[in-house]
């Protein structure tokens, strides 16, 4: 357990870099977020958007599509934001593009066959098996990205977001995605990867340790699969923020 309360027990050594990077990002966000929210309250539209992002993050959803203000309004009109996200992906036709986007990502090059097996399990509604595979996949991707150097880039992005909100300017698509992914990863690192003792009652939350150690006995759903899939997508986005391609996009924004 590190000073920020991120439990990295049970994760092999390569994952510590991810926990450290998230901790660094969390510290930066923690310094500016209260001010951003206060500024945002002046502009009710942003306050609603930020609240929706927080609701998703607290529900273990690392939203990686473009979360527009229109979509935030739509989600907030629903009594349950988890169900709103479920319908967006499964009934709105966004699950297949997400699966294909992940398949084509450079970070997935060495995992193509394994990923195809995970998706086959999902298509047969073997959700627990698919979730177990996605967490193993996440472990591998995190180990590959153990030398992440993107923290300076994160700070630059946060600064630009701060300036846009202060000037009552609309956030760009990259701003919105960065906010959603960083907020989501900060939240799920403390719930999906925590080391809750197996002697305690199992929760409904998705938990890597309970899955990987064969201690889970609850029923898994397509929403559990979606949460794990979005986690992998968020990690891939997070890990590439320090590379050259990402820096070009940063300079454009």
C-alpha atoms as a PDB file:
ATOM      1  CA  UNK A   1       0.000   0.000   0.000  1.00  0.00           C
ATOM      2  CA  UNK A   2       1.508   3.352  -0.963  1.00  0.00           C
ATOM      3  CA  UNK A   3       0.965   6.739   0.698  1.00  0.00           C
ATOM      4  CA  UNK A   4      -2.036   7.541  -1.507  1.00  0.00           C
ATOM      5  CA  UNK A   5      -3.855   4.387  -0.453  1.00  0.00           C
ATOM      6  CA  UNK A   6      -3.335   2.577  -3.756  1.00  0.00           C
ATOM      7  CA  UNK A   7      -2.942  -1.098  -2.967  1.00  0.00           C
ATOM      8  CA  UNK A   8      -0.381  -2.718  -5.245  1.00  0.00           C
ATOM      9  CA  UNK A   9      -0.161  -5.993  -3.292  1.00  0.00           C
ATOM     10  CA  UNK A  10      -0.749  -8.898  -5.624  1.00  0.00           C
ATOM     11  CA  UNK A  11       0.412  -6.968  -8.683  1.00  0.00           C
ATOM     12  CA  UNK A  12       3.810  -7.922 -10.021  1.00  0.00           C
ATOM     13  CA  UNK A  13       6.668  -5.457 -10.026  1.00  0.00           C
ATOM     14  CA  UNK A  14       5.977  -3.912 -13.417  1.00  0.00           C
ATOM     15  CA  UNK A  15       2.648  -2.526 -12.178  1.00  0.00           C
ATOM     16  CA  UNK A  16       4.220  -0.336  -9.508  1.00  0.00           C
ATOM     17  CA  UNK A  17       5.077   2.239 -12.167  1.00  0.00           C
ATOM     18  CA  UNK A  18       1.387   2.511 -13.005  1.00  0.00           C
ATOM     19  CA  UNK A  19       0.439   3.010  -9.368  1.00  0.00           C
ATOM     20  CA  UNK A  20       3.184   5.622  -9.003  1.00  0.00           C
ATOM     21  CA  UNK A  21       2.093   7.417 -12.170  1.00  0.00           C
ATOM     22  CA  UNK A  22      -1.531   7.475 -11.024  1.00  0.00           C
ATOM     23  CA  UNK A  23      -0.395   8.775  -7.632  1.00  0.00           C
ATOM     24  CA  UNK A  24       1.550  11.575  -9.293  1.00  0.00           C
ATOM     25  CA  UNK A  25      -1.420  12.460 -11.461  1.00  0.00           C
ATOM     26  CA  UNK A  26      -3.742  12.341  -8.455  1.00  0.00           C
ATOM     27  CA  UNK A  27      -1.548  14.797  -6.555  1.00  0.00           C
ATOM     28  CA  UNK A  28      -1.598  17.219  -9.485  1.00  0.00           C
ATOM     29  CA  UNK A  29      -5.351  16.905  -9.946  1.00  0.00           C
ATOM     30  CA  UNK A  30      -5.948  17.285  -6.211  1.00  0.00           C
ATOM     31  CA  UNK A  31      -4.165  20.645  -6.263  1.00  0.00           C
ATOM     32  CA  UNK A  32      -6.211  22.169  -9.065  1.00  0.00           C
ATOM     33  CA  UNK A  33      -9.514  20.276  -9.015  1.00  0.00           C
ATOM     34  CA  UNK A  34     -11.210  22.193  -6.170  1.00  0.00           C
ATOM     35  CA  UNK A  35     -10.529  25.449  -7.996  1.00  0.00           C
ATOM     36  CA  UNK A  36     -11.751  24.015 -11.272  1.00  0.00           C
ATOM     37  CA  UNK A  37     -14.984  22.851  -9.682  1.00  0.00           C
ATOM     38  CA  UNK A  38     -15.535  26.229  -8.034  1.00  0.00           C
ATOM     39  CA  UNK A  39     -14.980  27.933 -11.375  1.00  0.00           C
ATOM     40  CA  UNK A  40     -17.221  25.381 -13.016  1.00  0.00           C
ATOM     41  CA  UNK A  41     -20.073  26.077 -10.615  1.00  0.00           C
ATOM     42  CA  UNK A  42     -20.322  29.511 -12.148  1.00  0.00           C
ATOM     43  CA  UNK A  43     -21.051  27.740 -15.406  1.00  0.00           C
ATOM     44  CA  UNK A  44     -23.792  25.255 -14.588  1.00  0.00           C
ATOM     45  CA  UNK A  45     -23.264  23.218 -17.731  1.00  0.00           C
ATOM     46  CA  UNK A  46     -19.730  22.267 -16.751  1.00  0.00           C
ATOM     47  CA  UNK A  47     -20.805  21.460 -13.184  1.00  0.00           C
ATOM     48  CA  UNK A  48     -23.363  18.976 -14.511  1.00  0.00           C
ATOM     49  CA  UNK A  49     -20.779  17.451 -16.846  1.00  0.00           C
ATOM     50  CA  UNK A  50     -18.185  17.064 -14.066  1.00  0.00           C
ATOM     51  CA  UNK A  51     -20.771  15.540 -11.743  1.00  0.00           C
ATOM     52  CA  UNK A  52     -21.644  12.939 -14.379  1.00  0.00           C
ATOM     53  CA  UNK A  53     -17.961  12.059 -14.802  1.00  0.00           C
ATOM     54  CA  UNK A  54     -17.625  11.568 -11.044  1.00  0.00           C
ATOM     55  CA  UNK A  55     -20.720   9.356 -10.930  1.00  0.00           C
ATOM     56  CA  UNK A  56     -19.302   7.109 -13.613  1.00  0.00           C
ATOM     57  CA  UNK A  57     -15.899   6.937 -11.924  1.00  0.00           C
ATOM     58  CA  UNK A  58     -17.463   6.022  -8.595  1.00  0.00           C
ATOM     59  CA  UNK A  59     -19.330   3.241 -10.393  1.00  0.00           C
ATOM     60  CA  UNK A  60     -16.003   1.871 -11.759  1.00  0.00           C
ATOM     61  CA  UNK A  61     -16.604   3.224 -15.263  1.00  0.00           C
ATOM     62  CA  UNK A  62     -13.568   4.651 -17.066  1.00  0.00           C
ATOM     63  CA  UNK A  63     -15.476   6.335 -19.883  1.00  0.00           C
ATOM     64  CA  UNK A  64     -13.269   6.544 -22.983  1.00  0.00           C
ATOM     65  CA  UNK A  65     -15.662   7.730 -25.694  1.00  0.00           C
ATOM     66  CA  UNK A  66     -16.156  11.453 -26.279  1.00  0.00           C
ATOM     67  CA  UNK A  67     -18.271  12.492 -23.304  1.00  0.00           C
ATOM     68  CA  UNK A  68     -19.997  15.550 -24.705  1.00  0.00           C
ATOM     69  CA  UNK A  69     -22.250  17.893 -22.754  1.00  0.00           C
ATOM     70  CA  UNK A  70     -25.220  16.521 -24.664  1.00  0.00           C
ATOM     71  CA  UNK A  71     -24.332  12.988 -23.587  1.00  0.00           C
ATOM     72  CA  UNK A  72     -23.847  14.140 -19.985  1.00  0.00           C
ATOM     73  CA  UNK A  73     -27.361  15.610 -20.011  1.00  0.00           C
ATOM     74  CA  UNK A  74     -28.730  12.360 -21.392  1.00  0.00           C
ATOM     75  CA  UNK A  75     -26.979  10.263 -18.756  1.00  0.00           C
ATOM     76  CA  UNK A  76     -28.059  12.547 -15.919  1.00  0.00           C
ATOM     77  CA  UNK A  77     -31.697  12.238 -16.985  1.00  0.00           C
ATOM     78  CA  UNK A  78     -31.475   8.520 -16.221  1.00  0.00           C
ATOM     79  CA  UNK A  79     -32.157   7.365 -12.627  1.00  0.00           C
ATOM     80  CA  UNK A  80     -29.100   5.055 -12.768  1.00  0.00           C
ATOM     81  CA  UNK A  81     -25.987   6.191 -14.610  1.00  0.00           C
ATOM     82  CA  UNK A  82     -24.680   2.609 -14.795  1.00  0.00           C
ATOM     83  CA  UNK A  83     -27.754   1.593 -16.759  1.00  0.00           C
ATOM     84  CA  UNK A  84     -27.364   4.688 -18.923  1.00  0.00           C
ATOM     85  CA  UNK A  85     -23.806   3.675 -19.826  1.00  0.00           C
ATOM     86  CA  UNK A  86     -24.910   0.074 -20.394  1.00  0.00           C
ATOM     87  CA  UNK A  87     -27.574   1.207 -22.862  1.00  0.00           C
ATOM     88  CA  UNK A  88     -25.172   3.630 -24.567  1.00  0.00           C
ATOM     89  CA  UNK A  89     -22.729   0.843 -25.405  1.00  0.00           C
ATOM     90  CA  UNK A  90     -24.959  -2.186 -25.907  1.00  0.00           C
ATOM     91  CA  UNK A  91     -28.162  -0.700 -27.284  1.00  0.00           C
ATOM     92  CA  UNK A  92     -26.548   2.357 -28.853  1.00  0.00           C
ATOM     93  CA  UNK A  93     -24.190   0.291 -30.969  1.00  0.00           C
ATOM     94  CA  UNK A  94     -20.936   1.478 -29.375  1.00  0.00           C
ATOM     95  CA  UNK A  95     -19.638  -1.819 -27.966  1.00  0.00           C
ATOM     96  CA  UNK A  96     -18.432  -3.241 -31.305  1.00  0.00           C
ATOM     97  CA  UNK A  97     -16.443  -0.101 -32.261  1.00  0.00           C
ATOM     98  CA  UNK A  98     -14.836  -0.145 -28.806  1.00  0.00           C
ATOM     99  CA  UNK A  99     -13.816  -3.787 -29.202  1.00  0.00           C
ATOM    100  CA  UNK A 100     -12.374  -3.091 -32.657  1.00  0.00           C
ATOM    101  CA  UNK A 101     -10.550   0.062 -31.506  1.00  0.00           C
ATOM    102  CA  UNK A 102      -8.795  -1.908 -28.792  1.00  0.00           C
ATOM    103  CA  UNK A 103      -7.903  -4.663 -31.232  1.00  0.00           C
ATOM    104  CA  UNK A 104      -6.159  -2.174 -33.536  1.00  0.00           C
ATOM    105  CA  UNK A 105      -4.245  -0.356 -30.801  1.00  0.00           C
ATOM    106  CA  UNK A 106      -0.448  -0.569 -31.053  1.00  0.00           C
ATOM    107  CA  UNK A 107      -0.240  -1.654 -27.412  1.00  0.00           C
ATOM    108  CA  UNK A 108      -2.274  -4.765 -28.227  1.00  0.00           C
ATOM    109  CA  UNK A 109       0.088  -6.067 -30.889  1.00  0.00           C
ATOM    110  CA  UNK A 110       1.453  -8.916 -28.760  1.00  0.00           C
ATOM    111  CA  UNK A 111      -1.938  -9.897 -27.355  1.00  0.00           C
ATOM    112  CA  UNK A 112      -4.075 -10.403 -30.471  1.00  0.00           C
ATOM    113  CA  UNK A 113      -4.811 -14.120 -30.032  1.00  0.00           C
ATOM    114  CA  UNK A 114      -5.475 -13.757 -26.316  1.00  0.00           C
ATOM    115  CA  UNK A 115      -7.774 -10.796 -26.991  1.00  0.00           C
ATOM    116  CA  UNK A 116      -9.712 -12.775 -29.584  1.00  0.00           C
ATOM    117  CA  UNK A 117     -10.253 -15.522 -27.008  1.00  0.00           C
ATOM    118  CA  UNK A 118     -11.497 -12.965 -24.484  1.00  0.00           C
ATOM    119  CA  UNK A 119     -13.968 -11.537 -26.997  1.00  0.00           C
ATOM    120  CA  UNK A 120     -15.123 -15.060 -27.916  1.00  0.00           C
ATOM    121  CA  UNK A 121     -15.889 -15.686 -24.234  1.00  0.00           C
ATOM    122  CA  UNK A 122     -17.832 -12.418 -24.096  1.00  0.00           C
ATOM    123  CA  UNK A 123     -19.834 -13.295 -27.201  1.00  0.00           C
ATOM    124  CA  UNK A 124     -20.823 -16.580 -25.566  1.00  0.00           C
ATOM    125  CA  UNK A 125     -21.883 -14.604 -22.457  1.00  0.00           C
ATOM    126  CA  UNK A 126     -19.123 -16.144 -20.346  1.00  0.00           C
ATOM    127  CA  UNK A 127     -18.646 -12.813 -18.607  1.00  0.00           C
ATOM    128  CA  UNK A 128     -16.624 -13.994 -15.616  1.00  0.00           C
ATOM    129  CA  UNK A 129     -14.132 -15.751 -17.888  1.00  0.00           C
ATOM    130  CA  UNK A 130     -13.934 -12.669 -20.125  1.00  0.00           C
ATOM    131  CA  UNK A 131     -13.349 -10.360 -17.131  1.00  0.00           C
ATOM    132  CA  UNK A 132     -10.616 -12.628 -15.798  1.00  0.00           C
ATOM    133  CA  UNK A 133      -8.930 -12.491 -19.190  1.00  0.00           C
ATOM    134  CA  UNK A 134      -9.205  -8.704 -19.375  1.00  0.00           C
ATOM    135  CA  UNK A 135      -7.521  -8.265 -16.000  1.00  0.00           C
ATOM    136  CA  UNK A 136      -4.694 -10.552 -17.110  1.00  0.00           C
ATOM    137  CA  UNK A 137      -4.463  -8.488 -20.286  1.00  0.00           C
ATOM    138  CA  UNK A 138      -4.348  -5.295 -18.224  1.00  0.00           C
ATOM    139  CA  UNK A 139      -1.509  -6.767 -16.156  1.00  0.00           C
ATOM    140  CA  UNK A 140       0.477  -7.447 -19.313  1.00  0.00           C
ATOM    141  CA  UNK A 141      -0.128  -4.009 -20.817  1.00  0.00           C
ATOM    142  CA  UNK A 142       0.821  -2.324 -17.557  1.00  0.00           C
ATOM    143  CA  UNK A 143       4.027  -4.322 -17.380  1.00  0.00           C
ATOM    144  CA  UNK A 144       4.826  -3.257 -20.953  1.00  0.00           C
ATOM    145  CA  UNK A 145       4.230   0.363 -19.969  1.00  0.00           C
ATOM    146  CA  UNK A 146       6.204   0.217 -16.743  1.00  0.00           C
ATOM    147  CA  UNK A 147       8.542   2.969 -17.938  1.00  0.00           C
ATOM    148  CA  UNK A 148       5.778   5.548 -18.404  1.00  0.00           C
ATOM    149  CA  UNK A 149       7.197   9.052 -18.624  1.00  0.00           C
ATOM    150  CA  UNK A 150       4.040  11.030 -19.292  1.00  0.00           C
ATOM    151  CA  UNK A 151       3.549  12.960 -16.041  1.00  0.00           C
ATOM    152  CA  UNK A 152       4.810  16.271 -17.454  1.00  0.00           C
ATOM    153  CA  UNK A 153       2.360  15.865 -20.311  1.00  0.00           C
ATOM    154  CA  UNK A 154      -0.447  15.249 -17.798  1.00  0.00           C
ATOM    155  CA  UNK A 155       0.335  18.490 -16.010  1.00  0.00           C
ATOM    156  CA  UNK A 156       0.326  20.423 -19.295  1.00  0.00           C
ATOM    157  CA  UNK A 157      -3.067  18.984 -20.166  1.00  0.00           C
ATOM    158  CA  UNK A 158      -4.514  19.867 -16.758  1.00  0.00           C
ATOM    159  CA  UNK A 159      -3.165  23.414 -17.095  1.00  0.00           C
ATOM    160  CA  UNK A 160      -4.878  23.808 -20.466  1.00  0.00           C
ATOM    161  CA  UNK A 161      -8.147  22.507 -19.031  1.00  0.00           C
ATOM    162  CA  UNK A 162      -7.845  24.953 -16.162  1.00  0.00           C
ATOM    163  CA  UNK A 163      -7.317  27.856 -18.573  1.00  0.00           C
ATOM    164  CA  UNK A 164     -10.259  26.877 -20.775  1.00  0.00           C
ATOM    165  CA  UNK A 165     -12.647  26.565 -17.853  1.00  0.00           C
ATOM    166  CA  UNK A 166     -11.447  29.870 -16.385  1.00  0.00           C
ATOM    167  CA  UNK A 167     -12.136  31.534 -19.740  1.00  0.00           C
ATOM    168  CA  UNK A 168     -15.509  29.790 -20.045  1.00  0.00           C
ATOM    169  CA  UNK A 169     -14.282  28.040 -23.194  1.00  0.00           C
ATOM    170  CA  UNK A 170     -15.527  24.687 -24.398  1.00  0.00           C
ATOM    171  CA  UNK A 171     -13.249  21.753 -23.598  1.00  0.00           C
ATOM    172  CA  UNK A 172     -11.788  19.908 -26.571  1.00  0.00           C
ATOM    173  CA  UNK A 173     -12.437  16.228 -27.185  1.00  0.00           C
ATOM    174  CA  UNK A 174      -8.954  15.409 -25.895  1.00  0.00           C
ATOM    175  CA  UNK A 175      -9.581  17.533 -22.781  1.00  0.00           C
ATOM    176  CA  UNK A 176     -12.795  15.669 -22.098  1.00  0.00           C
ATOM    177  CA  UNK A 177     -11.232  12.262 -22.630  1.00  0.00           C
ATOM    178  CA  UNK A 178      -8.256  13.093 -20.429  1.00  0.00           C
ATOM    179  CA  UNK A 179     -10.575  14.263 -17.635  1.00  0.00           C
ATOM    180  CA  UNK A 180     -12.811  11.188 -17.883  1.00  0.00           C
ATOM    181  CA  UNK A 181      -9.956   8.691 -18.068  1.00  0.00           C
ATOM    182  CA  UNK A 182      -7.827  10.248 -15.317  1.00  0.00           C
ATOM    183  CA  UNK A 183     -10.842  10.578 -13.003  1.00  0.00           C
ATOM    184  CA  UNK A 184     -11.919   7.029 -13.753  1.00  0.00           C
ATOM    185  CA  UNK A 185      -8.475   5.480 -13.293  1.00  0.00           C
ATOM    186  CA  UNK A 186      -7.967   7.325 -10.020  1.00  0.00           C
ATOM    187  CA  UNK A 187     -11.235   5.863  -8.739  1.00  0.00           C
ATOM    188  CA  UNK A 188     -10.935   2.283  -9.977  1.00  0.00           C
ATOM    189  CA  UNK A 189      -7.337   1.863  -8.840  1.00  0.00           C
ATOM    190  CA  UNK A 190      -8.705   1.953  -5.308  1.00  0.00           C
ATOM    191  CA  UNK A 191     -11.590  -0.465  -5.907  1.00  0.00           C
ATOM    192  CA  UNK A 192     -10.705  -2.871  -8.707  1.00  0.00           C
ATOM    193  CA  UNK A 193      -7.200  -3.521  -7.383  1.00  0.00           C
ATOM    194  CA  UNK A 194      -7.716  -3.352  -3.628  1.00  0.00           C
ATOM    195  CA  UNK A 195      -6.731  -6.271  -1.451  1.00  0.00           C
ATOM    196  CA  UNK A 196      -9.926  -6.824   0.524  1.00  0.00           C
ATOM    197  CA  UNK A 197      -9.521  -9.989   2.675  1.00  0.00           C
ATOM    198  CA  UNK A 198     -11.216 -13.059   1.274  1.00  0.00           C
ATOM    199  CA  UNK A 199     -12.688 -13.720   4.714  1.00  0.00           C
ATOM    200  CA  UNK A 200     -14.986 -10.726   4.255  1.00  0.00           C
ATOM    201  CA  UNK A 201     -18.234 -10.724   2.302  1.00  0.00           C
ATOM    202  CA  UNK A 202     -17.788 -10.343  -1.442  1.00  0.00           C
ATOM    203  CA  UNK A 203     -19.016  -7.035  -2.848  1.00  0.00           C
ATOM    204  CA  UNK A 204     -20.769  -6.426  -6.154  1.00  0.00           C
ATOM    205  CA  UNK A 205     -17.874  -4.244  -7.307  1.00  0.00           C
ATOM    206  CA  UNK A 206     -15.476  -5.649  -9.868  1.00  0.00           C
ATOM    207  CA  UNK A 207     -12.260  -6.743  -8.143  1.00  0.00           C
ATOM    208  CA  UNK A 208      -9.177  -8.150  -9.824  1.00  0.00           C
ATOM    209  CA  UNK A 209      -7.882 -10.000  -6.765  1.00  0.00           C
ATOM    210  CA  UNK A 210     -11.118 -11.900  -6.129  1.00  0.00           C
ATOM    211  CA  UNK A 211     -11.270 -12.906  -9.791  1.00  0.00           C
ATOM    212  CA  UNK A 212      -7.635 -13.857 -10.297  1.00  0.00           C
ATOM    213  CA  UNK A 213      -7.486 -15.887  -7.085  1.00  0.00           C
ATOM    214  CA  UNK A 214     -10.693 -17.785  -7.813  1.00  0.00           C
ATOM    215  CA  UNK A 215     -12.486 -16.480  -4.730  1.00  0.00           C
ATOM    216  CA  UNK A 216     -15.443 -14.856  -6.447  1.00  0.00           C
ATOM    217  CA  UNK A 217     -18.848 -16.529  -6.411  1.00  0.00           C
ATOM    218  CA  UNK A 218     -21.166 -13.820  -7.662  1.00  0.00           C
ATOM    219  CA  UNK A 219     -22.828 -13.687 -11.057  1.00  0.00           C
ATOM    220  CA  UNK A 220     -21.040 -11.604 -13.694  1.00  0.00           C
ATOM    221  CA  UNK A 221     -22.836  -9.483 -16.267  1.00  0.00           C
ATOM    222  CA  UNK A 222     -22.158  -7.707 -19.525  1.00  0.00           C
ATOM    223  CA  UNK A 223     -21.685  -4.523 -17.483  1.00  0.00           C
ATOM    224  CA  UNK A 224     -18.807  -6.144 -15.601  1.00  0.00           C
ATOM    225  CA  UNK A 225     -17.235  -7.007 -18.946  1.00  0.00           C
ATOM    226  CA  UNK A 226     -17.716  -3.433 -20.160  1.00  0.00           C
ATOM    227  CA  UNK A 227     -16.083  -2.007 -17.026  1.00  0.00           C
ATOM    228  CA  UNK A 228     -13.054  -4.265 -17.480  1.00  0.00           C
ATOM    229  CA  UNK A 229     -12.864  -3.468 -21.203  1.00  0.00           C
ATOM    230  CA  UNK A 230     -12.999   0.278 -20.552  1.00  0.00           C
ATOM    231  CA  UNK A 231     -10.292  -0.151 -17.906  1.00  0.00           C
ATOM    232  CA  UNK A 232      -7.979  -1.658 -20.528  1.00  0.00           C
ATOM    233  CA  UNK A 233      -8.847   1.107 -22.998  1.00  0.00           C
ATOM    234  CA  UNK A 234      -8.191   3.749 -20.337  1.00  0.00           C
ATOM    235  CA  UNK A 235      -4.836   2.210 -19.423  1.00  0.00           C
ATOM    236  CA  UNK A 236      -3.770   2.219 -23.070  1.00  0.00           C
ATOM    237  CA  UNK A 237      -4.734   5.894 -23.381  1.00  0.00           C
ATOM    238  CA  UNK A 238      -3.014   6.762 -20.099  1.00  0.00           C
ATOM    239  CA  UNK A 239       0.175   4.888 -21.004  1.00  0.00           C
ATOM    240  CA  UNK A 240       0.602   6.545 -24.402  1.00  0.00           C
ATOM    241  CA  UNK A 241       0.365  10.135 -23.142  1.00  0.00           C
ATOM    242  CA  UNK A 242       4.117  10.565 -23.012  1.00  0.00           C
ATOM    243  CA  UNK A 243       4.912   9.280 -26.484  1.00  0.00           C
ATOM    244  CA  UNK A 244       5.631  11.293 -29.606  1.00  0.00           C
ATOM    245  CA  UNK A 245       2.217  10.796 -31.199  1.00  0.00           C
ATOM    246  CA  UNK A 246       0.470  11.985 -28.063  1.00  0.00           C
ATOM    247  CA  UNK A 247       2.756  15.010 -27.838  1.00  0.00           C
ATOM    248  CA  UNK A 248       1.769  16.039 -31.366  1.00  0.00           C
ATOM    249  CA  UNK A 249      -1.900  15.865 -30.396  1.00  0.00           C
ATOM    250  CA  UNK A 250      -1.122  17.816 -27.229  1.00  0.00           C
ATOM    251  CA  UNK A 251       0.557  20.589 -29.187  1.00  0.00           C
ATOM    252  CA  UNK A 252      -2.443  20.818 -31.543  1.00  0.00           C
ATOM    253  CA  UNK A 253      -4.951  21.184 -28.706  1.00  0.00           C
END
